[in-house]
Amino acid sequence: MVELTKAEEQMMHLLWKLGEGTVQDVMASIKEDKRHSRTTVSTIIRMLEEKGAVGHKAAESRGYIYYPILQKKEYSHNQLKDFIKRHFDNSFSSLACFF
């Protein structure tokens, strides 16, 4: 399972929403109050690529178009399983009783 930092997870949510895009596309989709520099966005995307969560292809102009390899449904499922394992002794019924 791919472990993502909070910043990486936020970047993945943007890529899942976009489907694919350049660093500039990702930057444009970030809310005004959460703006990051181009270098920061590029670095996070490269780290995601190293983890196998993101791939790239050449853009028509210079640069790359990035796309998610890690699917949101798969990631969410693994996060939920890990949460239940850590907090509810791997028992879904314990989770249900909690609510």
PDB file of N, CA and C in Angstrom:
ATOM      1  N   MET A   1       0.842  -1.183   0.000  1.00  0.00           N
ATOM      2  CA  MET A   1       0.000   0.000   0.000  1.00  0.00           C
ATOM      3  C   MET A   1       0.889   1.249   0.000  1.00  0.00           C
ATOM      4  N   VAL A   2       0.524   2.232  -0.773  1.00  0.00           N
ATOM      5  CA  VAL A   2       1.268   3.478  -0.872  1.00  0.00           C
ATOM      6  C   VAL A   2       0.919   4.359   0.327  1.00  0.00           C
ATOM      7  N   GLU A   3       1.934   4.812   1.044  1.00  0.00           N
ATOM      8  CA  GLU A   3       1.740   5.733   2.161  1.00  0.00           C
ATOM      9  C   GLU A   3       1.945   7.160   1.647  1.00  0.00           C
ATOM     10  N   LEU A   4       0.969   8.020   1.867  1.00  0.00           N
ATOM     11  CA  LEU A   4       1.059   9.398   1.402  1.00  0.00           C
ATOM     12  C   LEU A   4       1.068  10.362   2.577  1.00  0.00           C
ATOM     13  N   THR A   5       1.867  11.413   2.449  1.00  0.00           N
ATOM     14  CA  THR A   5       1.824  12.491   3.433  1.00  0.00           C
ATOM     15  C   THR A   5       0.557  13.303   3.188  1.00  0.00           C
ATOM     16  N   LYS A   6       0.260  14.204   4.102  1.00  0.00           N
ATOM     17  CA  LYS A   6      -0.935  15.046   3.945  1.00  0.00           C
ATOM     18  C   LYS A   6      -0.850  15.872   2.655  1.00  0.00           C
ATOM     19  N   ALA A   7       0.310  16.447   2.395  1.00  0.00           N
ATOM     20  CA  ALA A   7       0.487  17.264   1.185  1.00  0.00           C
ATOM     21  C   ALA A   7       0.342  16.415  -0.078  1.00  0.00           C
ATOM     22  N   GLU A   8       0.901  15.200  -0.044  1.00  0.00           N
ATOM     23  CA  GLU A   8       0.791  14.307  -1.197  1.00  0.00           C
ATOM     24  C   GLU A   8      -0.661  13.898  -1.417  1.00  0.00           C
ATOM     25  N   GLU A   9      -1.362  13.611  -0.332  1.00  0.00           N
ATOM     26  CA  GLU A   9      -2.771  13.229  -0.453  1.00  0.00           C
ATOM     27  C   GLU A   9      -3.595  14.376  -1.042  1.00  0.00           C
ATOM     28  N   GLN A  10      -3.328  15.592  -0.610  1.00  0.00           N
ATOM     29  CA  GLN A  10      -4.035  16.750  -1.166  1.00  0.00           C
ATOM     30  C   GLN A  10      -3.756  16.897  -2.655  1.00  0.00           C
ATOM     31  N   MET A  11      -2.517  16.662  -3.056  1.00  0.00           N
ATOM     32  CA  MET A  11      -2.152  16.751  -4.469  1.00  0.00           C
ATOM     33  C   MET A  11      -2.853  15.653  -5.262  1.00  0.00           C
ATOM     34  N   MET A  12      -2.946  14.449  -4.687  1.00  0.00           N
ATOM     35  CA  MET A  12      -3.641  13.348  -5.352  1.00  0.00           C
ATOM     36  C   MET A  12      -5.115  13.692  -5.556  1.00  0.00           C
ATOM     37  N   HIS A  13      -5.741  14.316  -4.566  1.00  0.00           N
ATOM     38  CA  HIS A  13      -7.148  14.699  -4.713  1.00  0.00           C
ATOM     39  C   HIS A  13      -7.327  15.659  -5.892  1.00  0.00           C
ATOM     40  N   LEU A  14      -6.378  16.559  -6.071  1.00  0.00           N
ATOM     41  CA  LEU A  14      -6.441  17.479  -7.212  1.00  0.00           C
ATOM     42  C   LEU A  14      -6.280  16.723  -8.531  1.00  0.00           C
ATOM     43  N   LEU A  15      -5.334  15.796  -8.577  1.00  0.00           N
ATOM     44  CA  LEU A  15      -5.130  15.017  -9.803  1.00  0.00           C
ATOM     45  C   LEU A  15      -6.316  14.096 -10.088  1.00  0.00           C
ATOM     46  N   TRP A  16      -6.913  13.508  -9.042  1.00  0.00           N
ATOM     47  CA  TRP A  16      -8.103  12.678  -9.252  1.00  0.00           C
ATOM     48  C   TRP A  16      -9.237  13.518  -9.831  1.00  0.00           C
ATOM     49  N   LYS A  17      -9.356  14.744  -9.348  1.00  0.00           N
ATOM     50  CA  LYS A  17     -10.411  15.635  -9.839  1.00  0.00           C
ATOM     51  C   LYS A  17     -10.135  16.065 -11.284  1.00  0.00           C
ATOM     52  N   LEU A  18      -8.883  16.387 -11.576  1.00  0.00           N
ATOM     53  CA  LEU A  18      -8.520  16.828 -12.930  1.00  0.00           C
ATOM     54  C   LEU A  18      -8.494  15.672 -13.934  1.00  0.00           C
ATOM     55  N   GLY A  19      -8.141  14.495 -13.469  1.00  0.00           N
ATOM     56  CA  GLY A  19      -7.950  13.366 -14.377  1.00  0.00           C
ATOM     57  C   GLY A  19      -6.511  13.314 -14.859  1.00  0.00           C
ATOM     58  N   GLU A  20      -6.028  14.409 -15.375  1.00  0.00           N
ATOM     59  CA  GLU A  20      -4.630  14.587 -15.767  1.00  0.00           C
ATOM     60  C   GLU A  20      -4.383  16.069 -15.950  1.00  0.00           C
ATOM     61  N   GLY A  21      -3.122  16.471 -15.860  1.00  0.00           N
ATOM     62  CA  GLY A  21      -2.810  17.881 -16.056  1.00  0.00           C
ATOM     63  C   GLY A  21      -1.344  18.181 -15.835  1.00  0.00           C
ATOM     64  N   THR A  22      -0.960  19.348 -16.265  1.00  0.00           N
ATOM     65  CA  THR A  22       0.403  19.839 -16.080  1.00  0.00           C
ATOM     66  C   THR A  22       0.526  20.418 -14.668  1.00  0.00           C
ATOM     67  N   VAL A  23       1.740  20.742 -14.279  1.00  0.00           N
ATOM     68  CA  VAL A  23       1.948  21.396 -12.985  1.00  0.00           C
ATOM     69  C   VAL A  23       1.131  22.684 -12.940  1.00  0.00           C
ATOM     70  N   GLN A  24       1.099  23.406 -14.040  1.00  0.00           N
ATOM     71  CA  GLN A  24       0.327  24.657 -14.107  1.00  0.00           C
ATOM     72  C   GLN A  24      -1.165  24.396 -13.908  1.00  0.00           C
ATOM     73  N   ASP A  25      -1.697  23.318 -14.486  1.00  0.00           N
ATOM     74  CA  ASP A  25      -3.106  22.958 -14.298  1.00  0.00           C
ATOM     75  C   ASP A  25      -3.403  22.671 -12.832  1.00  0.00           C
ATOM     76  N   VAL A  26      -2.496  21.943 -12.199  1.00  0.00           N
ATOM     77  CA  VAL A  26      -2.669  21.622 -10.777  1.00  0.00           C
ATOM     78  C   VAL A  26      -2.640  22.900  -9.953  1.00  0.00           C
ATOM     79  N   MET A  27      -1.691  23.768 -10.243  1.00  0.00           N
ATOM     80  CA  MET A  27      -1.590  25.035  -9.512  1.00  0.00           C
ATOM     81  C   MET A  27      -2.862  25.864  -9.662  1.00  0.00           C
ATOM     82  N   ALA A  28      -3.446  25.861 -10.851  1.00  0.00           N
ATOM     83  CA  ALA A  28      -4.662  26.639 -11.095  1.00  0.00           C
ATOM     84  C   ALA A  28      -5.860  26.078 -10.330  1.00  0.00           C
ATOM     85  N   SER A  29      -5.827  24.787 -10.000  1.00  0.00           N
ATOM     86  CA  SER A  29      -6.958  24.185  -9.306  1.00  0.00           C
ATOM     87  C   SER A  29      -6.861  24.297  -7.788  1.00  0.00           C
ATOM     88  N   ILE A  30      -5.737  24.803  -7.288  1.00  0.00           N
ATOM     89  CA  ILE A  30      -5.561  24.986  -5.841  1.00  0.00           C
ATOM     90  C   ILE A  30      -6.275  26.268  -5.425  1.00  0.00           C
ATOM     91  N   LYS A  31      -6.993  26.197  -4.314  1.00  0.00           N
ATOM     92  CA  LYS A  31      -7.721  27.361  -3.810  1.00  0.00           C
ATOM     93  C   LYS A  31      -6.751  28.502  -3.523  1.00  0.00           C
ATOM     94  N   GLU A  32      -7.251  29.714  -3.672  1.00  0.00           N
ATOM     95  CA  GLU A  32      -6.421  30.914  -3.488  1.00  0.00           C
ATOM     96  C   GLU A  32      -5.675  30.928  -2.157  1.00  0.00           C
ATOM     97  N   ASP A  33      -6.326  30.516  -1.067  1.00  0.00           N
ATOM     98  CA  ASP A  33      -5.700  30.588   0.250  1.00  0.00           C
ATOM     99  C   ASP A  33      -4.694  29.472   0.507  1.00  0.00           C
ATOM    100  N   LYS A  34      -4.576  28.532  -0.421  1.00  0.00           N
ATOM    101  CA  LYS A  34      -3.662  27.404  -0.246  1.00  0.00           C
ATOM    102  C   LYS A  34      -2.605  27.373  -1.352  1.00  0.00           C
ATOM    103  N   ARG A  35      -2.315  28.489  -1.977  1.00  0.00           N
ATOM    104  CA  ARG A  35      -1.370  28.527  -3.103  1.00  0.00           C
ATOM    105  C   ARG A  35       0.010  28.022  -2.696  1.00  0.00           C
ATOM    106  N   HIS A  36       0.594  27.256  -3.570  1.00  0.00           N
ATOM    107  CA  HIS A  36       1.963  26.770  -3.410  1.00  0.00           C
ATOM    108  C   HIS A  36       2.772  27.274  -4.600  1.00  0.00           C
ATOM    109  N   SER A  37       4.074  27.352  -4.413  1.00  0.00           N
ATOM    110  CA  SER A  37       4.924  27.749  -5.527  1.00  0.00           C
ATOM    111  C   SER A  37       4.976  26.611  -6.546  1.00  0.00           C
ATOM    112  N   ARG A  38       5.351  26.957  -7.741  1.00  0.00           N
ATOM    113  CA  ARG A  38       5.492  25.956  -8.812  1.00  0.00           C
ATOM    114  C   ARG A  38       6.499  24.885  -8.398  1.00  0.00           C
ATOM    115  N   THR A  39       7.575  25.299  -7.738  1.00  0.00           N
ATOM    116  CA  THR A  39       8.592  24.361  -7.289  1.00  0.00           C
ATOM    117  C   THR A  39       8.016  23.362  -6.291  1.00  0.00           C
ATOM    118  N   THR A  40       7.209  23.838  -5.352  1.00  0.00           N
ATOM    119  CA  THR A  40       6.606  22.968  -4.341  1.00  0.00           C
ATOM    120  C   THR A  40       5.681  21.953  -4.995  1.00  0.00           C
ATOM    121  N   VAL A  41       4.811  22.421  -5.877  1.00  0.00           N
ATOM    122  CA  VAL A  41       3.874  21.529  -6.570  1.00  0.00           C
ATOM    123  C   VAL A  41       4.647  20.496  -7.388  1.00  0.00           C
ATOM    124  N   SER A  42       5.642  20.937  -8.112  1.00  0.00           N
ATOM    125  CA  SER A  42       6.460  20.045  -8.935  1.00  0.00           C
ATOM    126  C   SER A  42       7.170  18.998  -8.069  1.00  0.00           C
ATOM    127  N   THR A  43       7.705  19.415  -6.939  1.00  0.00           N
ATOM    128  CA  THR A  43       8.402  18.499  -6.037  1.00  0.00           C
ATOM    129  C   THR A  43       7.454  17.438  -5.485  1.00  0.00           C
ATOM    130  N   ILE A  44       6.272  17.849  -5.049  1.00  0.00           N
ATOM    131  CA  ILE A  44       5.296  16.898  -4.508  1.00  0.00           C
ATOM    132  C   ILE A  44       4.873  15.896  -5.586  1.00  0.00           C
ATOM    133  N   ILE A  45       4.653  16.385  -6.788  1.00  0.00           N
ATOM    134  CA  ILE A  45       4.266  15.489  -7.887  1.00  0.00           C
ATOM    135  C   ILE A  45       5.393  14.508  -8.192  1.00  0.00           C
ATOM    136  N   ARG A  46       6.640  14.959  -8.191  1.00  0.00           N
ATOM    137  CA  ARG A  46       7.776  14.065  -8.421  1.00  0.00           C
ATOM    138  C   ARG A  46       7.871  13.002  -7.323  1.00  0.00           C
ATOM    139  N   MET A  47       7.607  13.385  -6.073  1.00  0.00           N
ATOM    140  CA  MET A  47       7.630  12.422  -4.971  1.00  0.00           C
ATOM    141  C   MET A  47       6.516  11.392  -5.151  1.00  0.00           C
ATOM    142  N   LEU A  48       5.348  11.835  -5.614  1.00  0.00           N
ATOM    143  CA  LEU A  48       4.247  10.908  -5.887  1.00  0.00           C
ATOM    144  C   LEU A  48       4.617   9.956  -7.016  1.00  0.00           C
ATOM    145  N   GLU A  49       5.335  10.474  -7.990  1.00  0.00           N
ATOM    146  CA  GLU A  49       5.768   9.646  -9.113  1.00  0.00           C
ATOM    147  C   GLU A  49       6.760   8.575  -8.637  1.00  0.00           C
ATOM    148  N   GLU A  50       7.674   8.958  -7.747  1.00  0.00           N
ATOM    149  CA  GLU A  50       8.637   8.006  -7.195  1.00  0.00           C
ATOM    150  C   GLU A  50       7.942   6.897  -6.401  1.00  0.00           C
ATOM    151  N   LYS A  51       6.816   7.228  -5.774  1.00  0.00           N
ATOM    152  CA  LYS A  51       6.054   6.248  -4.991  1.00  0.00           C
ATOM    153  C   LYS A  51       5.148   5.386  -5.875  1.00  0.00           C
ATOM    154  N   GLY A  52       5.073   5.716  -7.160  1.00  0.00           N
ATOM    155  CA  GLY A  52       4.242   4.942  -8.077  1.00  0.00           C
ATOM    156  C   GLY A  52       2.778   5.345  -8.073  1.00  0.00           C
ATOM    157  N   ALA A  53       2.457   6.487  -7.483  1.00  0.00           N
ATOM    158  CA  ALA A  53       1.078   6.949  -7.415  1.00  0.00           C
ATOM    159  C   ALA A  53       0.695   7.795  -8.627  1.00  0.00           C
ATOM    160  N   VAL A  54       1.690   8.345  -9.309  1.00  0.00           N
ATOM    161  CA  VAL A  54       1.465   9.251 -10.444  1.00  0.00           C
ATOM    162  C   VAL A  54       2.394   8.853 -11.584  1.00  0.00           C
ATOM    163  N   GLY A  55       1.909   8.997 -12.814  1.00  0.00           N
ATOM    164  CA  GLY A  55       2.717   8.791 -14.002  1.00  0.00           C
ATOM    165  C   GLY A  55       2.739  10.069 -14.823  1.00  0.00           C
ATOM    166  N   HIS A  56       3.527  10.091 -15.874  1.00  0.00           N
ATOM    167  CA  HIS A  56       3.547  11.268 -16.748  1.00  0.00           C
ATOM    168  C   HIS A  56       3.738  10.854 -18.197  1.00  0.00           C
ATOM    169  N   LYS A  57       3.339  11.771 -19.068  1.00  0.00           N
ATOM    170  CA  LYS A  57       3.594  11.644 -20.500  1.00  0.00           C
ATOM    171  C   LYS A  57       4.012  13.019 -20.997  1.00  0.00           C
ATOM    172  N   ALA A  58       4.687  13.047 -22.111  1.00  0.00           N
ATOM    173  CA  ALA A  58       5.167  14.320 -22.653  1.00  0.00           C
ATOM    174  C   ALA A  58       3.991  15.176 -23.108  1.00  0.00           C
ATOM    175  N   ALA A  59       4.074  16.449 -22.812  1.00  0.00           N
ATOM    176  CA  ALA A  59       3.063  17.406 -23.269  1.00  0.00           C
ATOM    177  C   ALA A  59       3.441  17.875 -24.671  1.00  0.00           C
ATOM    178  N   GLU A  60       2.479  18.435 -25.398  1.00  0.00           N
ATOM    179  CA  GLU A  60       2.771  18.962 -26.739  1.00  0.00           C
ATOM    180  C   GLU A  60       3.779  20.101 -26.656  1.00  0.00           C
ATOM    181  N   SER A  61       3.608  20.958 -25.660  1.00  0.00           N
ATOM    182  CA  SER A  61       4.619  21.985 -25.412  1.00  0.00           C
ATOM    183  C   SER A  61       5.651  21.367 -24.466  1.00  0.00           C
ATOM    184  N   ARG A  62       6.523  22.166 -23.908  1.00  0.00           N
ATOM    185  CA  ARG A  62       7.494  21.565 -22.993  1.00  0.00           C
ATOM    186  C   ARG A  62       6.819  21.163 -21.693  1.00  0.00           C
ATOM    187  N   GLY A  63       7.441  20.255 -21.007  1.00  0.00           N
ATOM    188  CA  GLY A  63       6.906  19.788 -19.741  1.00  0.00           C
ATOM    189  C   GLY A  63       6.179  18.460 -19.884  1.00  0.00           C
ATOM    190  N   TYR A  64       5.465  18.105 -18.834  1.00  0.00           N
ATOM    191  CA  TYR A  64       4.784  16.819 -18.786  1.00  0.00           C
ATOM    192  C   TYR A  64       3.327  16.987 -18.371  1.00  0.00           C
ATOM    193  N   ILE A  65       2.541  16.004 -18.742  1.00  0.00           N
ATOM    194  CA  ILE A  65       1.169  15.893 -18.275  1.00  0.00           C
ATOM    195  C   ILE A  65       1.165  14.737 -17.280  1.00  0.00           C
ATOM    196  N   TYR A  66       0.717  15.021 -16.070  1.00  0.00           N
ATOM    197  CA  TYR A  66       0.706  14.022 -15.007  1.00  0.00           C
ATOM    198  C   TYR A  66      -0.691  13.438 -14.862  1.00  0.00           C
ATOM    199  N   TYR A  67      -0.743  12.169 -14.476  1.00  0.00           N
ATOM    200  CA  TYR A  67      -2.022  11.490 -14.296  1.00  0.00           C
ATOM    201  C   TYR A  67      -1.901  10.505 -13.131  1.00  0.00           C
ATOM    202  N   PRO A  68      -3.000  10.270 -12.417  1.00  0.00           N
ATOM    203  CA  PRO A  68      -2.939   9.344 -11.287  1.00  0.00           C
ATOM    204  C   PRO A  68      -2.860   7.890 -11.756  1.00  0.00           C
ATOM    205  N   ILE A  69      -1.967   7.139 -11.167  1.00  0.00           N
ATOM    206  CA  ILE A  69      -1.910   5.690 -11.350  1.00  0.00           C
ATOM    207  C   ILE A  69      -2.685   5.042 -10.200  1.00  0.00           C
ATOM    208  N   LEU A  70      -2.467   5.578  -9.002  1.00  0.00           N
ATOM    209  CA  LEU A  70      -3.196   5.111  -7.829  1.00  0.00           C
ATOM    210  C   LEU A  70      -4.632   5.603  -7.939  1.00  0.00           C
ATOM    211  N   GLN A  71      -5.575   4.682  -7.916  1.00  0.00           N
ATOM    212  CA  GLN A  71      -6.982   5.042  -8.051  1.00  0.00           C
ATOM    213  C   GLN A  71      -7.552   5.475  -6.698  1.00  0.00           C
ATOM    214  N   LYS A  72      -8.424   6.473  -6.720  1.00  0.00           N
ATOM    215  CA  LYS A  72      -8.998   7.018  -5.498  1.00  0.00           C
ATOM    216  C   LYS A  72      -9.745   5.947  -4.705  1.00  0.00           C
ATOM    217  N   LYS A  73     -10.514   5.111  -5.381  1.00  0.00           N
ATOM    218  CA  LYS A  73     -11.288   4.074  -4.701  1.00  0.00           C
ATOM    219  C   LYS A  73     -10.359   3.099  -3.974  1.00  0.00           C
ATOM    220  N   GLU A  74      -9.287   2.688  -4.639  1.00  0.00           N
ATOM    221  CA  GLU A  74      -8.316   1.768  -4.030  1.00  0.00           C
ATOM    222  C   GLU A  74      -7.658   2.410  -2.813  1.00  0.00           C
ATOM    223  N   TYR A  75      -7.240   3.679  -2.946  1.00  0.00           N
ATOM    224  CA  TYR A  75      -6.584   4.384  -1.847  1.00  0.00           C
ATOM    225  C   TYR A  75      -7.534   4.549  -0.666  1.00  0.00           C
ATOM    226  N   SER A  76      -8.766   4.961  -0.932  1.00  0.00           N
ATOM    227  CA  SER A  76      -9.752   5.156   0.137  1.00  0.00           C
ATOM    228  C   SER A  76     -10.045   3.846   0.856  1.00  0.00           C
ATOM    229  N   HIS A  77     -10.180   2.780   0.097  1.00  0.00           N
ATOM    230  CA  HIS A  77     -10.439   1.461   0.683  1.00  0.00           C
ATOM    231  C   HIS A  77      -9.301   1.056   1.625  1.00  0.00           C
ATOM    232  N   ASN A  78      -8.066   1.232   1.174  1.00  0.00           N
ATOM    233  CA  ASN A  78      -6.910   0.883   1.999  1.00  0.00           C
ATOM    234  C   ASN A  78      -6.801   1.763   3.232  1.00  0.00           C
ATOM    235  N   GLN A  79      -7.137   3.038   3.097  1.00  0.00           N
ATOM    236  CA  GLN A  79      -7.111   3.942   4.248  1.00  0.00           C
ATOM    237  C   GLN A  79      -8.139   3.520   5.290  1.00  0.00           C
ATOM    238  N   LEU A  80      -9.338   3.145   4.833  1.00  0.00           N
ATOM    239  CA  LEU A  80     -10.386   2.713   5.757  1.00  0.00           C
ATOM    240  C   LEU A  80      -9.976   1.416   6.455  1.00  0.00           C
ATOM    241  N   LYS A  81      -9.443   0.462   5.703  1.00  0.00           N
ATOM    242  CA  LYS A  81      -8.989  -0.792   6.305  1.00  0.00           C
ATOM    243  C   LYS A  81      -7.911  -0.536   7.355  1.00  0.00           C
ATOM    244  N   ASP A  82      -6.974   0.348   7.055  1.00  0.00           N
ATOM    245  CA  ASP A  82      -5.902   0.671   7.989  1.00  0.00           C
ATOM    246  C   ASP A  82      -6.458   1.361   9.242  1.00  0.00           C
ATOM    247  N   PHE A  83      -7.424   2.247   9.053  1.00  0.00           N
ATOM    248  CA  PHE A  83      -8.059   2.949  10.178  1.00  0.00           C
ATOM    249  C   PHE A  83      -8.743   1.954  11.116  1.00  0.00           C
ATOM    250  N   ILE A  84      -9.501   1.018  10.553  1.00  0.00           N
ATOM    251  CA  ILE A  84     -10.201   0.014  11.354  1.00  0.00           C
ATOM    252  C   ILE A  84      -9.192  -0.880  12.079  1.00  0.00           C
ATOM    253  N   LYS A  85      -8.125  -1.222  11.389  1.00  0.00           N
ATOM    254  CA  LYS A  85      -7.092  -2.068  11.991  1.00  0.00           C
ATOM    255  C   LYS A  85      -6.432  -1.361  13.179  1.00  0.00           C
ATOM    256  N   ARG A  86      -6.084  -0.085  12.990  1.00  0.00           N
ATOM    257  CA  ARG A  86      -5.366   0.647  14.032  1.00  0.00           C
ATOM    258  C   ARG A  86      -6.248   1.037  15.212  1.00  0.00           C
ATOM    259  N   HIS A  87      -7.494   1.426  14.952  1.00  0.00           N
ATOM    260  CA  HIS A  87      -8.333   1.999  16.005  1.00  0.00           C
ATOM    261  C   HIS A  87      -9.397   1.055  16.555  1.00  0.00           C
ATOM    262  N   PHE A  88      -9.716   0.001  15.828  1.00  0.00           N
ATOM    263  CA  PHE A  88     -10.806  -0.886  16.245  1.00  0.00           C
ATOM    264  C   PHE A  88     -10.398  -2.352  16.219  1.00  0.00           C
ATOM    265  N   ASP A  89      -9.098  -2.611  16.389  1.00  0.00           N
ATOM    266  CA  ASP A  89      -8.583  -3.970  16.477  1.00  0.00           C
ATOM    267  C   ASP A  89      -9.035  -4.835  15.304  1.00  0.00           C
ATOM    268  N   ASN A  90      -9.073  -4.215  14.139  1.00  0.00           N
ATOM    269  CA  ASN A  90      -9.435  -4.892  12.884  1.00  0.00           C
ATOM    270  C   ASN A  90     -10.859  -5.465  12.903  1.00  0.00           C
ATOM    271  N   SER A  91     -11.735  -4.836  13.676  1.00  0.00           N
ATOM    272  CA  SER A  91     -13.117  -5.327  13.814  1.00  0.00           C
ATOM    273  C   SER A  91     -14.112  -4.307  13.274  1.00  0.00           C
ATOM    274  N   PHE A  92     -14.754  -4.653  12.157  1.00  0.00           N
ATOM    275  CA  PHE A  92     -15.763  -3.759  11.590  1.00  0.00           C
ATOM    276  C   PHE A  92     -16.945  -3.603  12.540  1.00  0.00           C
ATOM    277  N   SER A  93     -17.308  -4.657  13.268  1.00  0.00           N
ATOM    278  CA  SER A  93     -18.438  -4.567  14.199  1.00  0.00           C
ATOM    279  C   SER A  93     -18.121  -3.593  15.335  1.00  0.00           C
ATOM    280  N   SER A  94     -16.856  -3.534  15.764  1.00  0.00           N
ATOM    281  CA  SER A  94     -16.461  -2.546  16.781  1.00  0.00           C
ATOM    282  C   SER A  94     -16.609  -1.122  16.242  1.00  0.00           C
ATOM    283  N   LEU A  95     -16.268  -0.939  14.975  1.00  0.00           N
ATOM    284  CA  LEU A  95     -16.444   0.358  14.334  1.00  0.00           C
ATOM    285  C   LEU A  95     -17.918   0.732  14.293  1.00  0.00           C
ATOM    286  N   ALA A  96     -18.769  -0.228  13.889  1.00  0.00           N
ATOM    287  CA  ALA A  96     -20.215   0.021  13.802  1.00  0.00           C
ATOM    288  C   ALA A  96     -20.784   0.349  15.177  1.00  0.00           C
ATOM    289  N   CYS A  97     -20.339  -0.365  16.209  1.00  0.00           N
ATOM    290  CA  CYS A  97     -20.827  -0.093  17.577  1.00  0.00           C
ATOM    291  C   CYS A  97     -20.405   1.292  18.041  1.00  0.00           C
ATOM    292  N   PHE A  98     -19.230   1.730  17.609  1.00  0.00           N
ATOM    293  CA  PHE A  98     -18.747   3.054  17.988  1.00  0.00           C
ATOM    294  C   PHE A  98     -19.699   4.147  17.509  1.00  0.00           C
ATOM    295  N   PHE A  99     -20.229   3.955  16.319  1.00  0.00           N
ATOM    296  CA  PHE A  99     -21.152   4.949  15.758  1.00  0.00           C
ATOM    297  C   PHE A  99     -22.549   4.719  16.272  1.00  0.00           C
TER     298      PHE A  99
END
